[in-house]
């Protein structure tokens, strides 16, 4: 039985399943020609699993979704942090905003709450709206915008012939620089306007219509859940607005200073650095061996910091982090290097980290703690999971990773890796040490 037929208990026509499949990918009713074409393929007995490959090469689909960029694999480690991540963690200052909502009156009214989100989040910023001429007076009456400009991107009626687009339709806005430009429409067609605007950061729902790199590029909702009030256009515009605002604005209740006090509390530890020496904390383990940089490398790095940099190094970890205690015991002969692995509570470990000038660790909880408390952090990541989803959040983080073709693999054990654990083994010691030097020099 076709997998699509499992979505409904009763038997339906192939046209029904073709529409369902297309709608799940396009988030709307598809071109009737496409419906007829894929219905005919189902009539001929094609398996829908293979139709998905065909659909995703269709121009209608490619116009909606930008394929992921091809990653260049040079075989060596790199610092993962890019400019978008820096804007995310450092709270870029936003003084001028352009919001784009060029469609019709109903669409405009369903976006009022999203407009308000930007005004509330950036009360002193200059906010300009680019809208259809039929919405100009409504926009001005709101008192939300510092300026309202119009563009005839669509015909005045949705069922009329649509005008062709030319860059000169943008007018004087093309010569104005904005810190932030946001296309609030979920459907992809207006995203091409961003290509003709001068903005440091451009944001919107994912679309292949736009050639610009979007700082906040939100995937469209699952089309199979389109008959859900959560997919209401008021909610999708609000979702985009709040994502963009939260990307550039941090919550004062979760500031680094506040978190240090809340996390560490009054916890004290018997492990304290000698007076006058900079404290560096290090967690060689993550709870999953496949994510860990070799412990020998960590110990070599710790010994170098203790001996040549004259730093006090404290090793942290849980009681079950005992993969290679012999290497740790051998390294901990220096008075500057101590192991507190398995000998502190979580709060005590956090208290120690809060006093450090640098934390070095794998993809682990304590690495996230250090980063969130704005302790300068060097995080060494494997290829198990996408860094975009799990990067530690903080203003002074260096994330080291080695891009490999098989990442992300989502494996749980090293034994299951078919690529010789290349993502970790290719992250060489000297590269990591150079990044540690850079963090210390700051």
Protein backbone atom coordinates (compact mmCIF):
# COMPACT_ATOMS: atom_id res chain seq x y z
CA UNK A 1 0.00 0.00 0.00
CA UNK A 2 1.27 3.47 -0.85
CA UNK A 3 2.47 5.35 2.23
CA UNK A 4 0.22 8.29 1.33
CA UNK A 5 -2.85 6.11 1.69
CA UNK A 6 -1.93 5.50 5.31
CA UNK A 7 -2.65 9.17 6.00
CA UNK A 8 -6.40 8.59 5.64
CA UNK A 9 -8.37 5.54 6.85
CA UNK A 10 -10.73 5.60 3.84
CA UNK A 11 -9.71 5.01 0.24
CA UNK A 12 -9.48 8.18 -1.86
CA UNK A 13 -8.80 8.97 -5.50
CA UNK A 14 -5.29 9.39 -6.88
CA UNK A 15 -6.12 13.03 -7.55
CA UNK A 16 -6.82 13.45 -3.82
CA UNK A 17 -3.43 11.95 -2.92
CA UNK A 18 -1.65 14.03 -5.56
CA UNK A 19 -3.18 17.21 -4.11
CA UNK A 20 -2.28 16.11 -0.57
CA UNK A 21 1.32 15.38 -1.52
CA UNK A 22 1.73 18.65 -3.41
CA UNK A 23 0.08 20.66 -0.66
CA UNK A 24 2.35 19.11 1.98
CA UNK A 25 5.36 20.40 0.03
CA UNK A 26 3.98 23.72 -1.22
CA UNK A 27 1.87 24.80 1.80
CA UNK A 28 -0.96 25.73 -0.60
CA UNK A 29 -2.95 24.33 -3.50
CA UNK A 30 -0.55 23.65 -6.32
CA UNK A 31 -0.66 24.54 -9.99
CA UNK A 32 -3.53 22.51 -11.61
CA UNK A 33 -1.13 21.33 -14.32
CA UNK A 34 1.08 19.81 -11.63
CA UNK A 35 -1.92 18.14 -9.99
CA UNK A 36 -2.96 16.57 -13.28
CA UNK A 37 0.59 15.44 -14.05
CA UNK A 38 1.21 13.74 -10.70
CA UNK A 39 -2.28 12.24 -10.69
CA UNK A 40 -1.47 10.60 -14.02
CA UNK A 41 1.74 9.18 -12.55
CA UNK A 42 -0.18 7.70 -9.62
CA UNK A 43 -2.71 6.26 -12.08
CA UNK A 44 0.21 4.53 -13.81
CA UNK A 45 1.27 2.94 -10.53
CA UNK A 46 4.27 5.13 -9.60
CA UNK A 47 5.29 4.89 -5.95
CA UNK A 48 4.76 8.29 -4.25
CA UNK A 49 8.19 7.99 -2.61
CA UNK A 50 9.75 8.46 -6.02
CA UNK A 51 7.36 11.27 -6.90
CA UNK A 52 8.80 13.34 -4.05
CA UNK A 53 12.17 13.40 -5.83
CA UNK A 54 10.45 14.58 -9.00
CA UNK A 55 8.44 17.26 -7.19
CA UNK A 56 11.47 18.70 -5.42
CA UNK A 57 13.11 19.32 -8.81
CA UNK A 58 9.99 21.11 -10.03
CA UNK A 59 10.38 24.85 -10.70
CA UNK A 60 7.37 25.65 -8.50
CA UNK A 61 9.06 23.89 -5.59
CA UNK A 62 12.50 25.36 -6.27
CA UNK A 63 10.96 28.83 -6.34
CA UNK A 64 9.80 28.29 -2.76
CA UNK A 65 12.79 26.63 -1.13
CA UNK A 66 16.46 27.44 -1.44
CA UNK A 67 18.51 24.23 -1.54
CA UNK A 68 21.14 24.03 1.21
CA UNK A 69 24.46 25.50 0.06
CA UNK A 70 27.15 23.07 -0.95
CA UNK A 71 29.78 22.74 1.75
CA UNK A 72 33.43 22.80 0.77
CA UNK A 73 35.41 20.12 2.60
CA UNK A 74 39.09 21.01 2.82
CA UNK A 75 39.97 18.15 5.14
CA UNK A 76 41.01 20.31 8.06
CA UNK A 77 39.52 22.00 11.11
CA UNK A 78 38.10 25.50 11.06
CA UNK A 79 36.42 28.01 13.33
CA UNK A 80 32.71 27.45 12.72
CA UNK A 81 31.44 30.84 13.96
CA UNK A 82 30.25 32.92 11.03
CA UNK A 83 29.08 36.54 10.81
CA UNK A 84 25.43 35.57 11.29
CA UNK A 85 26.26 33.74 14.50
CA UNK A 86 28.28 36.71 15.71
CA UNK A 87 25.23 38.94 15.16
CA UNK A 88 23.13 36.42 17.07
CA UNK A 89 25.39 36.23 20.11
CA UNK A 90 26.58 39.83 20.28
CA UNK A 91 23.26 41.61 19.88
CA UNK A 92 23.84 43.80 16.83
CA UNK A 93 22.61 47.37 17.26
CA UNK A 94 19.52 47.97 15.12
CA UNK A 95 18.74 51.63 14.41
CA UNK A 96 16.90 51.45 11.09
CA UNK A 97 14.41 48.80 9.93
CA UNK A 98 12.55 48.18 6.68
CA UNK A 99 9.49 45.93 6.87
CA UNK A 100 8.05 44.56 3.62
CA UNK A 101 4.36 43.69 3.31
CA UNK A 102 3.43 44.30 -0.31
CA UNK A 103 0.30 42.14 -0.61
CA UNK A 104 -3.39 42.89 -0.11
CA UNK A 105 -5.61 44.38 2.60
CA UNK A 106 -6.49 41.14 4.39
CA UNK A 107 -2.87 40.06 4.45
CA UNK A 108 -1.89 43.47 5.81
CA UNK A 109 -4.43 43.34 8.65
CA UNK A 110 -3.29 39.87 9.69
CA UNK A 111 0.24 41.27 10.10
CA UNK A 112 -0.63 44.13 12.49
CA UNK A 113 0.59 42.20 15.54
CA UNK A 114 3.92 41.49 13.86
CA UNK A 115 4.38 45.20 13.13
CA UNK A 116 3.78 45.91 16.81
CA UNK A 117 6.40 43.35 17.85
CA UNK A 118 9.11 45.29 15.99
CA UNK A 119 8.01 48.67 17.37
CA UNK A 120 7.95 47.34 20.94
CA UNK A 121 11.33 45.62 20.61
CA UNK A 122 13.06 48.57 18.91
CA UNK A 123 11.32 51.67 20.35
CA UNK A 124 14.02 54.12 19.23
CA UNK A 125 14.66 52.62 15.80
CA UNK A 126 13.41 54.26 12.60
CA UNK A 127 10.94 51.81 11.02
CA UNK A 128 9.88 52.14 7.38
CA UNK A 129 7.13 50.06 5.77
CA UNK A 130 7.06 49.06 2.11
CA UNK A 131 3.47 48.09 1.22
CA UNK A 132 0.94 48.05 -1.61
CA UNK A 133 -0.54 51.51 -2.43
CA UNK A 134 -4.00 50.33 -1.30
CA UNK A 135 -2.64 49.92 2.26
CA UNK A 136 -0.79 53.24 2.51
CA UNK A 137 -3.43 55.14 4.49
CA UNK A 138 -4.09 52.20 6.81
CA UNK A 139 -0.36 51.96 7.52
CA UNK A 140 -0.03 55.67 8.28
CA UNK A 141 -3.05 55.62 10.59
CA UNK A 142 -1.39 53.02 12.84
CA UNK A 143 1.27 55.39 14.14
CA UNK A 144 3.78 52.52 14.14
CA UNK A 145 5.98 53.54 11.22
CA UNK A 146 8.32 56.49 10.78
CA UNK A 147 7.83 56.27 7.03
CA UNK A 148 5.56 54.46 4.56
CA UNK A 149 6.58 53.74 0.96
CA UNK A 150 4.53 51.90 -1.66
CA UNK A 151 5.22 49.43 -4.45
CA UNK A 152 2.87 47.89 -7.03
CA UNK A 153 4.28 44.39 -6.78
CA UNK A 154 0.80 42.91 -7.20
CA UNK A 155 -2.31 43.95 -9.09
CA UNK A 156 -4.94 45.68 -6.97
CA UNK A 157 -7.13 42.56 -7.29
CA UNK A 158 -5.67 39.06 -6.72
CA UNK A 159 -7.57 37.68 -9.72
CA UNK A 160 -6.23 40.34 -12.13
CA UNK A 161 -3.14 39.99 -14.29
CA UNK A 162 -0.06 40.54 -12.14
CA UNK A 163 2.36 43.34 -13.12
CA UNK A 164 5.94 42.49 -14.00
CA UNK A 165 8.64 43.46 -11.54
CA UNK A 166 11.52 45.81 -12.30
CA UNK A 167 14.09 46.99 -9.72
CA UNK A 168 13.25 50.66 -10.35
CA UNK A 169 9.84 50.01 -8.75
CA UNK A 170 11.60 50.13 -5.38
CA UNK A 171 12.39 53.78 -6.01
CA UNK A 172 14.41 55.80 -3.53
CA UNK A 173 14.52 52.95 -1.00
CA UNK A 174 17.19 51.31 -3.13
CA UNK A 175 19.58 54.10 -2.13
CA UNK A 176 18.83 53.94 1.61
CA UNK A 177 20.86 51.76 3.98
CA UNK A 178 18.97 49.81 6.65
CA UNK A 179 20.39 47.84 9.53
CA UNK A 180 17.59 45.31 9.12
CA UNK A 181 15.17 44.41 6.30
CA UNK A 182 12.41 41.85 6.86
CA UNK A 183 9.96 40.41 4.31
CA UNK A 184 6.95 39.42 6.42
CA UNK A 185 5.16 37.42 3.73
CA UNK A 186 5.35 33.64 4.18
CA UNK A 187 4.90 32.86 0.46
CA UNK A 188 8.16 33.28 -1.45
CA UNK A 189 7.45 35.67 -4.31
CA UNK A 190 8.25 39.00 -2.62
CA UNK A 191 11.54 37.69 -1.24
CA UNK A 192 13.31 38.87 -4.40
CA UNK A 193 12.78 42.47 -3.20
CA UNK A 194 15.51 41.85 -0.63
CA UNK A 195 18.03 41.43 -3.46
CA UNK A 196 17.51 45.05 -4.50
CA UNK A 197 17.74 46.59 -1.02
CA UNK A 198 20.77 47.73 0.95
CA UNK A 199 20.59 46.16 4.41
CA UNK A 200 23.18 44.71 6.78
CA UNK A 201 20.80 41.94 7.84
CA UNK A 202 18.01 40.49 5.69
CA UNK A 203 15.39 38.12 7.09
CA UNK A 204 12.35 36.16 5.97
CA UNK A 205 10.85 32.74 5.40
CA UNK A 206 12.99 30.36 3.34
CA UNK A 207 12.72 30.88 -0.41
CA UNK A 208 14.66 30.21 -3.56
CA UNK A 209 13.31 33.47 -4.99
CA UNK A 210 15.92 35.40 -3.02
CA UNK A 211 19.60 35.27 -3.94
CA UNK A 212 20.66 37.22 -0.84
CA UNK A 213 21.94 35.31 2.16
CA UNK A 214 19.27 35.64 4.86
CA UNK A 215 20.45 36.05 8.43
CA UNK A 216 17.19 34.65 9.78
CA UNK A 217 15.88 32.17 7.22
CA UNK A 218 12.93 30.31 8.76
CA UNK A 219 11.65 27.07 7.19
CA UNK A 220 8.03 27.18 6.17
CA UNK A 221 5.58 25.19 8.33
CA UNK A 222 4.75 21.60 7.51
CA UNK A 223 2.11 21.59 4.78
CA UNK A 224 0.40 18.51 6.21
CA UNK A 225 -0.69 20.65 9.16
CA UNK A 226 -2.11 23.46 7.05
CA UNK A 227 -5.64 22.83 8.40
CA UNK A 228 -4.48 23.92 11.85
CA UNK A 229 -5.20 27.33 13.34
CA UNK A 230 -1.54 27.52 14.36
CA UNK A 231 -0.81 27.95 10.62
CA UNK A 232 -3.05 31.04 10.50
CA UNK A 233 -1.25 33.87 8.72
CA UNK A 234 -1.38 36.06 11.83
CA UNK A 235 0.57 33.38 13.65
CA UNK A 236 3.12 32.80 10.88
CA UNK A 237 3.90 36.53 10.62
CA UNK A 238 4.16 36.72 14.40
CA UNK A 239 6.46 33.71 14.44
CA UNK A 240 8.81 35.36 11.96
CA UNK A 241 8.73 38.70 13.78
CA UNK A 242 9.50 37.14 17.16
CA UNK A 243 12.27 35.00 15.73
CA UNK A 244 13.93 38.05 14.19
CA UNK A 245 13.54 40.13 17.35
CA UNK A 246 14.82 37.35 19.59
CA UNK A 247 17.78 36.86 17.25
CA UNK A 248 18.99 40.43 17.85
CA UNK A 249 17.72 41.09 21.38
CA UNK A 250 18.66 39.22 24.55
CA UNK A 251 16.59 38.78 27.69
CA UNK A 252 17.92 40.77 30.65
CA UNK A 253 16.69 38.04 33.01
CA UNK A 254 19.09 35.64 31.28
CA UNK A 255 22.10 37.95 31.17
CA UNK A 256 25.52 36.44 31.86
CA UNK A 257 25.92 38.26 35.17
CA UNK A 258 22.47 37.17 36.37
CA UNK A 259 23.08 33.56 35.35
CA UNK A 260 26.41 33.43 37.19
CA UNK A 261 24.64 34.35 40.40
CA UNK A 262 21.72 32.00 39.84
CA UNK A 263 23.66 28.96 38.63
CA UNK A 264 26.63 29.08 40.98
CA UNK A 265 24.73 30.47 43.94
CA UNK A 266 26.85 30.34 47.08
CA UNK A 267 28.49 27.03 46.19
CA UNK A 268 32.18 26.85 47.05
CA UNK A 269 34.71 24.21 46.13
CA UNK A 270 37.94 22.96 47.68
CA UNK A 271 39.51 23.42 44.26
CA UNK A 272 40.81 26.96 44.03
CA UNK A 273 43.64 28.33 41.86
CA UNK A 274 46.86 29.65 43.39
CA UNK A 275 46.78 33.39 43.94
CA UNK A 276 47.92 35.46 41.00
CA UNK A 277 47.49 32.74 38.38
CA UNK A 278 44.80 32.82 35.68
CA UNK A 279 42.28 30.01 36.04
CA UNK A 280 41.42 27.83 33.04
CA UNK A 281 38.77 25.14 33.32
CA UNK A 282 38.61 22.15 31.03
CA UNK A 283 36.09 19.35 30.51
CA UNK A 284 37.54 16.59 28.30
CA UNK A 285 34.32 14.54 28.24
CA UNK A 286 30.77 15.00 27.00
CA UNK A 287 28.96 11.86 28.11
CA UNK A 288 29.19 10.37 24.61
CA UNK A 289 32.59 9.10 23.41
CA UNK A 290 31.80 9.75 19.75
CA UNK A 291 31.57 13.49 20.44
CA UNK A 292 34.86 13.73 22.36
CA UNK A 293 38.20 15.06 21.16
CA UNK A 294 40.86 12.49 22.27
CA UNK A 295 41.61 12.82 25.98
CA UNK A 296 45.35 12.68 25.21
CA UNK A 297 45.00 15.91 23.26
CA UNK A 298 43.17 17.55 26.14
CA UNK A 299 45.90 16.50 28.56
CA UNK A 300 48.64 17.72 26.22
CA UNK A 301 46.84 21.06 25.99
CA UNK A 302 46.36 21.21 29.77
CA UNK A 303 50.04 20.48 30.40
CA UNK A 304 51.09 23.21 27.96
CA UNK A 305 48.80 25.74 29.65
CA UNK A 306 50.07 24.80 33.11
CA UNK A 307 53.78 24.68 32.24
CA UNK A 308 54.37 27.24 29.52
CA UNK A 309 51.49 29.67 30.08
CA UNK A 310 51.78 29.42 33.90
CA UNK A 311 48.02 29.05 34.23
CA UNK A 312 46.11 27.12 36.84
CA UNK A 313 44.12 24.39 35.06
CA UNK A 314 41.26 22.52 36.73
CA UNK A 315 39.73 19.49 34.99
CA UNK A 316 35.99 19.02 35.45
CA UNK A 317 33.60 16.16 34.80
CA UNK A 318 31.15 13.69 36.29
CA UNK A 319 32.01 10.53 38.23
CA UNK A 320 31.37 8.34 35.20
CA UNK A 321 33.74 10.40 33.01
CA UNK A 322 36.58 7.95 33.46
CA UNK A 323 37.41 6.86 29.92
CA UNK A 324 41.16 7.23 30.39
CA UNK A 325 42.02 8.23 33.94
CA UNK A 326 45.59 7.02 33.47
CA UNK A 327 46.28 9.80 30.97
CA UNK A 328 44.69 12.29 33.33
CA UNK A 329 46.62 11.08 36.38
CA UNK A 330 49.88 11.19 34.46
CA UNK A 331 49.24 14.79 33.36
CA UNK A 332 48.20 15.98 36.81
CA UNK A 333 51.70 15.90 38.30
CA UNK A 334 52.10 19.67 38.05
CA UNK A 335 50.94 21.87 40.92
CA UNK A 336 49.23 24.02 38.29
CA UNK A 337 47.10 21.15 37.01
CA UNK A 338 44.41 19.53 39.14
CA UNK A 339 41.64 17.04 38.42
CA UNK A 340 38.27 17.67 40.02
CA UNK A 341 36.57 15.03 37.86
CA UNK A 342 33.87 13.32 39.91
CA UNK A 343 34.67 15.42 42.99
CA UNK A 344 32.32 18.38 42.62
CA UNK A 345 28.59 18.91 42.44
CA UNK A 346 27.18 20.63 39.37
CA UNK A 347 26.87 23.92 41.28
CA UNK A 348 30.44 23.64 42.54
CA UNK A 349 31.68 23.02 38.99
CA UNK A 350 29.76 26.05 37.75
CA UNK A 351 31.17 28.13 40.60
CA UNK A 352 34.70 27.18 39.52
CA UNK A 353 33.93 28.01 35.85
CA UNK A 354 32.49 31.39 36.81
CA UNK A 355 35.95 32.44 38.09
CA UNK A 356 37.83 31.24 34.99
CA UNK A 357 39.44 33.36 32.28
CA UNK A 358 38.86 30.54 29.77
CA UNK A 359 36.91 27.29 29.50
CA UNK A 360 37.83 24.55 27.02
CA UNK A 361 35.49 21.64 26.37
CA UNK A 362 33.70 19.29 24.04
CA UNK A 363 30.02 19.50 23.09
CA UNK A 364 28.87 19.19 26.69
CA UNK A 365 26.63 20.77 29.28
CA UNK A 366 29.43 22.61 31.08
CA UNK A 367 30.62 24.10 27.78
CA UNK A 368 27.12 25.53 27.31
CA UNK A 369 27.18 26.82 30.90
CA UNK A 370 30.50 28.59 30.39
CA UNK A 371 29.40 30.13 27.10
CA UNK A 372 26.08 31.34 28.51
CA UNK A 373 27.87 33.00 31.44
CA UNK A 374 30.08 34.82 28.89
CA UNK A 375 33.22 33.05 30.06
CA UNK A 376 35.59 32.98 27.04
CA UNK A 377 35.07 29.47 25.66
CA UNK A 378 36.74 27.16 23.14
CA UNK A 379 34.27 24.44 22.14
CA UNK A 380 35.54 21.45 20.13
CA UNK A 381 32.67 19.88 18.19
CA UNK A 382 32.30 16.57 16.38
CA UNK A 383 30.15 15.94 13.31
CA UNK A 384 27.44 14.07 15.19
CA UNK A 385 24.82 16.85 15.08
CA UNK A 386 24.41 20.14 13.17
CA UNK A 387 26.27 22.92 14.96
CA UNK A 388 23.60 25.33 13.72
CA UNK A 389 21.18 23.61 16.09
CA UNK A 390 23.46 23.06 19.09
CA UNK A 391 26.11 25.80 19.09
CA UNK A 392 26.77 27.15 22.61
CA UNK A 393 25.28 30.62 23.02
CA UNK A 394 27.62 33.33 24.29
CA UNK A 395 29.51 36.47 23.30
CA UNK A 396 33.03 35.02 23.61
CA UNK A 397 32.81 31.57 22.03
CA UNK A 398 35.17 29.95 19.54
CA UNK A 399 33.61 26.83 18.00
CA UNK A 400 36.10 24.47 16.33
CA UNK A 401 34.91 21.78 13.94
CA UNK A 402 36.16 19.77 10.98
CA UNK A 403 33.59 19.67 8.15
CA UNK A 404 33.18 16.16 6.75
CA UNK A 405 30.88 14.71 4.10
CA UNK A 406 29.09 12.36 6.50
CA UNK A 407 28.06 15.02 9.02
CA UNK A 408 25.61 15.15 10.68
CA UNK A 409 25.53 11.42 11.39
CA UNK A 410 23.52 11.38 14.66
CA UNK A 411 25.39 8.25 15.73
CA UNK A 412 25.60 7.23 19.37
CA UNK A 413 28.71 5.07 19.33
CA UNK A 414 32.14 5.33 17.71
CA UNK A 415 31.86 1.68 16.67
CA UNK A 416 29.04 2.64 14.29
CA UNK A 417 31.15 5.24 12.45
CA UNK A 418 32.13 4.15 8.94
CA UNK A 419 34.49 7.09 8.35
CA UNK A 420 37.21 6.43 10.95
CA UNK A 421 35.82 9.16 13.25
CA UNK A 422 37.27 11.65 10.78
CA UNK A 423 35.31 14.63 12.13
CA UNK A 424 37.23 14.40 15.42
CA UNK A 425 40.54 12.84 14.38
CA UNK A 426 41.09 15.56 11.77
CA UNK A 427 40.87 18.31 14.40
CA UNK A 428 44.59 18.53 15.07
CA UNK A 429 46.19 19.71 18.27
CA UNK A 430 48.09 22.67 16.83
CA UNK A 431 44.96 24.23 15.35
CA UNK A 432 43.14 24.01 18.68
CA UNK A 433 46.15 25.43 20.53
CA UNK A 434 46.29 28.39 18.12
CA UNK A 435 42.65 29.20 18.88
CA UNK A 436 43.29 28.91 22.62
CA UNK A 437 46.16 31.38 22.24
CA UNK A 438 43.81 33.82 20.45
CA UNK A 439 41.22 33.60 23.20
CA UNK A 440 43.84 34.15 25.89
CA UNK A 441 45.28 37.14 24.04
CA UNK A 442 41.90 38.85 24.25
